[in-house]
Amino acid sequence: MSAEARVDKWLWAARIFKTRSIAANAIKNGRVTIGGVNVKPSRMVKVGEVVSVRKPPVTFSFKILKTIEQRVGAKLLSEIYENVTPEEQYQLLEMNRISGFVDRQKGTGRPTKKERRVLDDFVGPSLAYSEFDFDFDDDDFDN
């Protein structure tokens, strides 16, 4: 174990990100800060530093207890970092889960099952499943 480790490797090894490239992209996009300052993937981290990771809508904070660059088992994570995320962030996450639509803005994309049922009730069975017969004659399309 060395006294320092690259921040992208540490984030991957501590299982905060699934792959090292995802960790590096998050750092490049400004989602990872150390001491309130944006960092580069090659930045070396030391024991005692607090790394903040923004995964919308929450910003997680981790105090480094060990600097590692090799991925460890999930059972050993309590030795690697201490989660110092404020309780307000978890409340915000819970409120987002309760609201039902985490990433999807209302009115975008396909309707949910509930929205489809509301639409069907609004339109009614007479219009939704009408038996219009659209037989076109070939004469109508001749130029």
Foldseek 3Di string as FASTA:
>chain_A
DDQKDFPLLQCCQLVVDVDSVVSQVQLVVQQKDWPPHRDHRRDIDGQQTWIWGCDPPAIWIKGAQDHDRHHDDPVCSVNGIDTPGDPVRVVVVVVCVVVPCNPDDPPDDDDDPVVVVVVCVVCDPCRPPPDDDDDDDPVVPDD
